[in-house]
Structure formats: C-alpha cells, structure tokens
Amino acid sequence: MPDTPKHSVSVAGVVVHGDGRVLAVRRRDNQHWEPPGGILELAETFDQGVRRKVFEETGITVRVERLSGVYQNLPRGIVALVFRCSPLGGRLRMTDVACLQQVGHGVVGRD
C-alpha cells in the first residue's frame, strides 16, 4: 500500500466591516498581507478555528458567515479554507505574528 498523503488544514477569516473595509495582517515571517488565519487544531471545528485565529492575530471577535474559498498548496501539503466574517467586538491590536491594516476607507496599525 502506498504511503498515505498527509495534508494540514488551515483556516482564514476575511473580516469585512459594514463600510466595506477588510481587515488584513502583514505577516512578520514573509511580509505578505493576508487575512488572519492559521493551522486548524485537531479538535476544532472550522468555525472555532477561524474565530480563534482571527482573535489571536488581531484582538477582534468575529461571526463566521460562510465559506468563500477552498485552496490547496500542493508543494506544502496545505488545504486552506477561507471564510467571510463580520466583526463582533474586541479591540484591534498588533501581535507578535502580524501588524494590521484595514483596507478601504481608513487604515489602522502601521507597516
């Protein structure tokens, strides 16, 4: 029997404010702007993972609205699930992982 392929599952939350601004994080490891997210823990549901990762990286609590995309990074063996979210509360903050920016009408955070 051939080796079973192993993949990790990551989740990301595209946080869209009522005025159309989108929250993005600039990763300190590669300097890319992207939605907050990361690897799903084994016992988590997709929604739980999205809420955890967005909060860990931004300080914002969110409502997960719907799945908006599924992507696969073949060289790295990652399946990424991207969800549209809306902010519920919290206090926007920079973290060790990323700095923050809201794309659209205003900017929060710094490069």
N, C-alpha and C. Protein backbone atom coordinates (compact mmCIF):
# COMPACT_ATOMS: atom_id res chain seq x y z
N MET A 1 0.85 -1.18 0.00
CA MET A 1 0.00 0.00 0.00
C MET A 1 0.89 1.24 0.00
N PRO A 2 0.65 2.17 -0.92
CA PRO A 2 1.47 3.39 -0.96
C PRO A 2 1.25 4.23 0.30
N ASP A 3 2.23 5.09 0.56
CA ASP A 3 2.10 5.99 1.70
C ASP A 3 0.86 6.87 1.54
N THR A 4 0.17 7.07 2.63
CA THR A 4 -0.99 7.94 2.62
C THR A 4 -0.53 9.39 2.61
N PRO A 5 -1.03 10.21 1.68
CA PRO A 5 -0.63 11.62 1.68
C PRO A 5 -1.08 12.30 2.98
N LYS A 6 -0.26 13.20 3.44
CA LYS A 6 -0.60 13.95 4.65
C LYS A 6 -0.73 15.41 4.29
N HIS A 7 -1.83 16.01 4.72
CA HIS A 7 -2.09 17.42 4.49
C HIS A 7 -2.42 18.07 5.82
N SER A 8 -2.11 19.35 5.93
CA SER A 8 -2.62 20.11 7.07
C SER A 8 -3.75 20.98 6.55
N VAL A 9 -4.63 21.35 7.45
CA VAL A 9 -5.77 22.19 7.10
C VAL A 9 -5.58 23.54 7.79
N SER A 10 -5.64 24.61 7.00
CA SER A 10 -5.58 25.94 7.58
C SER A 10 -6.91 26.64 7.32
N VAL A 11 -7.20 27.61 8.18
CA VAL A 11 -8.41 28.41 8.04
C VAL A 11 -8.01 29.88 8.08
N ALA A 12 -8.78 30.71 7.39
CA ALA A 12 -8.54 32.15 7.40
C ALA A 12 -9.88 32.85 7.40
N GLY A 13 -9.92 34.03 8.02
CA GLY A 13 -11.14 34.82 8.08
C GLY A 13 -10.97 36.15 7.38
N VAL A 14 -11.74 36.38 6.31
CA VAL A 14 -11.78 37.67 5.64
C VAL A 14 -12.83 38.49 6.39
N VAL A 15 -12.36 39.42 7.23
CA VAL A 15 -13.25 40.20 8.09
C VAL A 15 -13.67 41.45 7.34
N VAL A 16 -14.96 41.52 6.99
CA VAL A 16 -15.49 42.63 6.20
C VAL A 16 -16.37 43.49 7.11
N HIS A 17 -15.99 44.77 7.25
CA HIS A 17 -16.77 45.72 8.04
C HIS A 17 -17.96 46.19 7.22
N GLY A 18 -18.94 46.77 7.90
CA GLY A 18 -20.15 47.25 7.24
C GLY A 18 -19.90 48.28 6.17
N ASP A 19 -18.80 49.04 6.28
CA ASP A 19 -18.49 50.07 5.28
C ASP A 19 -17.61 49.54 4.15
N GLY A 20 -17.37 48.22 4.13
CA GLY A 20 -16.61 47.60 3.05
C GLY A 20 -15.13 47.41 3.32
N ARG A 21 -14.62 47.97 4.43
CA ARG A 21 -13.20 47.76 4.75
C ARG A 21 -12.96 46.31 5.11
N VAL A 22 -11.76 45.82 4.77
CA VAL A 22 -11.38 44.44 5.05
C VAL A 22 -10.14 44.46 5.94
N LEU A 23 -10.14 43.66 6.97
CA LEU A 23 -9.01 43.58 7.89
C LEU A 23 -7.94 42.65 7.31
N ALA A 24 -6.71 43.13 7.26
CA ALA A 24 -5.60 42.32 6.75
C ALA A 24 -4.45 42.36 7.75
N VAL A 25 -3.68 41.30 7.81
CA VAL A 25 -2.49 41.25 8.66
C VAL A 25 -1.27 41.14 7.76
N ARG A 26 -0.21 41.79 8.17
CA ARG A 26 1.06 41.67 7.44
C ARG A 26 1.94 40.75 8.26
N ARG A 27 2.18 39.57 7.72
CA ARG A 27 2.92 38.55 8.44
C ARG A 27 4.36 38.99 8.63
N ARG A 28 4.86 38.83 9.82
CA ARG A 28 6.24 39.22 10.11
C ARG A 28 7.25 38.24 9.50
N ASP A 29 6.81 36.99 9.24
CA ASP A 29 7.74 36.00 8.70
C ASP A 29 8.03 36.18 7.22
N ASN A 30 7.03 36.68 6.44
CA ASN A 30 7.26 36.82 4.99
C ASN A 30 6.84 38.18 4.43
N GLN A 31 6.33 39.07 5.29
CA GLN A 31 5.92 40.43 4.93
C GLN A 31 4.73 40.49 3.98
N HIS A 32 4.00 39.39 3.78
CA HIS A 32 2.83 39.40 2.90
C HIS A 32 1.59 39.85 3.66
N TRP A 33 0.73 40.61 2.98
CA TRP A 33 -0.58 40.97 3.53
C TRP A 33 -1.56 39.86 3.22
N GLU A 34 -2.34 39.45 4.20
CA GLU A 34 -3.31 38.38 4.01
C GLU A 34 -4.35 38.42 5.12
N PRO A 35 -5.44 37.66 4.95
CA PRO A 35 -6.42 37.60 6.04
C PRO A 35 -5.83 36.83 7.22
N PRO A 36 -6.24 37.16 8.44
CA PRO A 36 -5.73 36.42 9.59
C PRO A 36 -6.17 34.96 9.53
N GLY A 37 -5.28 34.07 9.95
CA GLY A 37 -5.61 32.66 9.94
C GLY A 37 -4.42 31.81 10.27
N GLY A 38 -4.62 30.50 10.21
CA GLY A 38 -3.54 29.56 10.51
C GLY A 38 -4.04 28.13 10.55
N ILE A 39 -3.22 27.26 11.10
CA ILE A 39 -3.50 25.83 11.11
C ILE A 39 -4.63 25.51 12.08
N LEU A 40 -5.56 24.68 11.62
CA LEU A 40 -6.68 24.21 12.42
C LEU A 40 -6.18 23.17 13.43
N GLU A 41 -6.59 23.31 14.69
CA GLU A 41 -6.26 22.32 15.71
C GLU A 41 -7.11 21.07 15.50
N LEU A 42 -6.62 19.92 15.96
CA LEU A 42 -7.30 18.65 15.71
C LEU A 42 -8.74 18.60 16.21
N ALA A 43 -9.02 19.14 17.38
CA ALA A 43 -10.36 19.02 17.97
C ALA A 43 -11.28 20.18 17.61
N GLU A 44 -10.83 21.12 16.79
CA GLU A 44 -11.63 22.30 16.46
C GLU A 44 -12.54 22.07 15.26
N THR A 45 -13.68 22.74 15.30
CA THR A 45 -14.50 22.86 14.09
C THR A 45 -13.88 23.98 13.24
N PHE A 46 -14.29 24.09 12.00
CA PHE A 46 -13.79 25.16 11.14
C PHE A 46 -14.10 26.53 11.75
N ASP A 47 -15.36 26.71 12.19
CA ASP A 47 -15.76 27.99 12.77
C ASP A 47 -14.92 28.33 14.01
N GLN A 48 -14.71 27.37 14.88
CA GLN A 48 -13.91 27.61 16.08
C GLN A 48 -12.49 28.03 15.71
N GLY A 49 -11.92 27.36 14.74
CA GLY A 49 -10.56 27.68 14.32
C GLY A 49 -10.45 29.08 13.74
N VAL A 50 -11.42 29.48 12.92
CA VAL A 50 -11.41 30.82 12.34
C VAL A 50 -11.52 31.86 13.45
N ARG A 51 -12.47 31.67 14.36
CA ARG A 51 -12.65 32.64 15.45
C ARG A 51 -11.38 32.73 16.31
N ARG A 52 -10.75 31.60 16.61
CA ARG A 52 -9.54 31.58 17.43
C ARG A 52 -8.40 32.32 16.73
N LYS A 53 -8.16 31.99 15.46
CA LYS A 53 -7.03 32.58 14.75
C LYS A 53 -7.22 34.08 14.54
N VAL A 54 -8.42 34.52 14.17
CA VAL A 54 -8.65 35.95 13.98
C VAL A 54 -8.42 36.68 15.30
N PHE A 55 -8.94 36.15 16.40
CA PHE A 55 -8.77 36.80 17.69
C PHE A 55 -7.30 36.82 18.12
N GLU A 56 -6.61 35.69 17.97
CA GLU A 56 -5.19 35.63 18.35
C GLU A 56 -4.35 36.65 17.59
N GLU A 57 -4.64 36.83 16.33
CA GLU A 57 -3.81 37.69 15.49
C GLU A 57 -4.23 39.15 15.48
N THR A 58 -5.49 39.45 15.88
CA THR A 58 -5.97 40.82 15.76
C THR A 58 -6.63 41.39 17.01
N GLY A 59 -7.10 40.54 17.92
CA GLY A 59 -7.87 41.00 19.08
C GLY A 59 -9.34 41.22 18.79
N ILE A 60 -9.79 40.89 17.58
CA ILE A 60 -11.18 41.09 17.16
C ILE A 60 -11.94 39.77 17.24
N THR A 61 -13.15 39.81 17.82
CA THR A 61 -14.04 38.65 17.78
C THR A 61 -14.92 38.77 16.54
N VAL A 62 -15.21 37.63 15.93
CA VAL A 62 -15.96 37.66 14.66
C VAL A 62 -17.09 36.64 14.65
N ARG A 63 -18.03 36.89 13.77
CA ARG A 63 -19.06 35.91 13.40
C ARG A 63 -18.64 35.34 12.06
N VAL A 64 -18.53 34.03 11.98
CA VAL A 64 -18.19 33.38 10.72
C VAL A 64 -19.47 33.25 9.91
N GLU A 65 -19.48 33.83 8.72
CA GLU A 65 -20.70 33.89 7.91
C GLU A 65 -20.81 32.75 6.91
N ARG A 66 -19.75 32.54 6.13
CA ARG A 66 -19.84 31.48 5.12
C ARG A 66 -18.46 31.16 4.56
N LEU A 67 -18.34 29.96 4.02
CA LEU A 67 -17.14 29.55 3.31
C LEU A 67 -17.07 30.31 2.00
N SER A 68 -15.93 30.93 1.71
CA SER A 68 -15.82 31.69 0.47
C SER A 68 -14.78 31.14 -0.50
N GLY A 69 -13.95 30.19 -0.04
CA GLY A 69 -12.97 29.62 -0.95
C GLY A 69 -12.23 28.44 -0.33
N VAL A 70 -11.82 27.51 -1.18
CA VAL A 70 -11.00 26.37 -0.76
C VAL A 70 -9.81 26.33 -1.70
N TYR A 71 -8.62 26.29 -1.11
CA TYR A 71 -7.39 26.36 -1.89
C TYR A 71 -6.45 25.25 -1.43
N GLN A 72 -5.59 24.80 -2.32
CA GLN A 72 -4.61 23.77 -1.98
C GLN A 72 -3.23 24.23 -2.41
N ASN A 73 -2.29 24.17 -1.48
CA ASN A 73 -0.89 24.45 -1.76
C ASN A 73 -0.21 23.09 -1.87
N LEU A 74 -0.06 22.59 -3.08
CA LEU A 74 0.47 21.24 -3.29
C LEU A 74 1.89 21.05 -2.77
N PRO A 75 2.81 21.98 -3.04
CA PRO A 75 4.18 21.75 -2.56
C PRO A 75 4.28 21.65 -1.03
N ARG A 76 3.42 22.39 -0.33
CA ARG A 76 3.49 22.39 1.13
C ARG A 76 2.47 21.45 1.77
N GLY A 77 1.58 20.87 0.99
CA GLY A 77 0.59 19.93 1.53
C GLY A 77 -0.43 20.60 2.44
N ILE A 78 -0.88 21.79 2.05
CA ILE A 78 -1.84 22.54 2.87
C ILE A 78 -3.14 22.71 2.10
N VAL A 79 -4.25 22.43 2.78
CA VAL A 79 -5.57 22.75 2.27
C VAL A 79 -6.06 23.94 3.09
N ALA A 80 -6.39 25.03 2.42
CA ALA A 80 -6.80 26.26 3.10
C ALA A 80 -8.27 26.53 2.85
N LEU A 81 -9.01 26.76 3.93
CA LEU A 81 -10.42 27.11 3.87
C LEU A 81 -10.54 28.57 4.28
N VAL A 82 -11.13 29.39 3.41
CA VAL A 82 -11.24 30.82 3.68
C VAL A 82 -12.71 31.15 3.89
N PHE A 83 -12.99 31.85 4.99
CA PHE A 83 -14.36 32.18 5.38
C PHE A 83 -14.56 33.68 5.42
N ARG A 84 -15.74 34.13 4.99
CA ARG A 84 -16.12 35.54 5.14
C ARG A 84 -16.64 35.70 6.57
N CYS A 85 -16.21 36.77 7.24
CA CYS A 85 -16.59 37.02 8.63
C CYS A 85 -17.01 38.47 8.79
N SER A 86 -17.75 38.74 9.86
CA SER A 86 -18.05 40.12 10.23
C SER A 86 -17.58 40.33 11.66
N PRO A 87 -17.10 41.55 11.97
CA PRO A 87 -16.59 41.81 13.31
C PRO A 87 -17.73 41.92 14.32
N LEU A 88 -17.50 41.38 15.53
CA LEU A 88 -18.48 41.49 16.60
C LEU A 88 -18.01 42.44 17.69
N GLY A 89 -16.73 42.49 17.93
CA GLY A 89 -16.21 43.33 19.01
C GLY A 89 -14.73 43.08 19.21
N GLY A 90 -14.27 43.47 20.39
CA GLY A 90 -12.85 43.33 20.69
C GLY A 90 -12.12 44.64 20.45
N ARG A 91 -10.84 44.58 20.66
CA ARG A 91 -10.00 45.77 20.49
C ARG A 91 -8.88 45.42 19.53
N LEU A 92 -8.82 46.10 18.42
CA LEU A 92 -7.82 45.85 17.39
C LEU A 92 -6.43 46.09 17.96
N ARG A 93 -5.54 45.10 17.80
CA ARG A 93 -4.19 45.22 18.33
C ARG A 93 -3.20 44.51 17.44
N MET A 94 -1.96 44.98 17.49
CA MET A 94 -0.88 44.29 16.78
C MET A 94 -0.41 43.13 17.65
N THR A 95 0.12 42.10 17.02
CA THR A 95 0.60 40.92 17.74
C THR A 95 2.02 40.60 17.31
N ASP A 96 2.58 39.55 17.92
CA ASP A 96 3.91 39.08 17.54
C ASP A 96 3.93 38.53 16.12
N VAL A 97 2.77 38.08 15.64
CA VAL A 97 2.68 37.45 14.33
C VAL A 97 2.57 38.48 13.21
N ALA A 98 1.83 39.56 13.46
CA ALA A 98 1.49 40.43 12.34
C ALA A 98 1.22 41.85 12.80
N CYS A 99 1.37 42.79 11.87
CA CYS A 99 0.83 44.13 12.06
C CYS A 99 -0.46 44.19 11.26
N LEU A 100 -1.27 45.21 11.50
CA LEU A 100 -2.64 45.22 10.98
C LEU A 100 -2.89 46.39 10.06
N GLN A 101 -3.80 46.17 9.13
CA GLN A 101 -4.29 47.26 8.30
C GLN A 101 -5.71 46.93 7.88
N GLN A 102 -6.55 47.95 7.86
CA GLN A 102 -7.89 47.79 7.31
C GLN A 102 -7.88 48.44 5.94
N VAL A 103 -8.12 47.64 4.94
CA VAL A 103 -8.05 48.11 3.56
C VAL A 103 -9.39 48.72 3.20
N GLY A 104 -9.35 49.92 2.69
CA GLY A 104 -10.58 50.61 2.31
C GLY A 104 -10.51 52.05 2.72
N HIS A 105 -11.50 52.50 3.48
CA HIS A 105 -11.66 53.91 3.81
C HIS A 105 -10.71 54.42 4.88
N GLY A 106 -10.10 53.56 5.68
CA GLY A 106 -9.21 54.02 6.72
C GLY A 106 -8.14 52.99 7.00
N VAL A 107 -7.12 53.40 7.69
CA VAL A 107 -6.01 52.49 7.99
C VAL A 107 -5.83 52.43 9.49
N VAL A 108 -5.63 51.23 10.00
CA VAL A 108 -5.34 51.02 11.41
C VAL A 108 -4.06 50.23 11.49
N GLY A 109 -3.18 50.58 12.41
CA GLY A 109 -1.91 49.88 12.54
C GLY A 109 -0.83 50.62 11.77
N ARG A 110 0.26 49.92 11.51
CA ARG A 110 1.36 50.54 10.78
C ARG A 110 2.13 49.47 10.04
N ASP A 111 2.90 49.88 9.05
CA ASP A 111 3.74 48.96 8.28
C ASP A 111 4.98 48.62 9.07
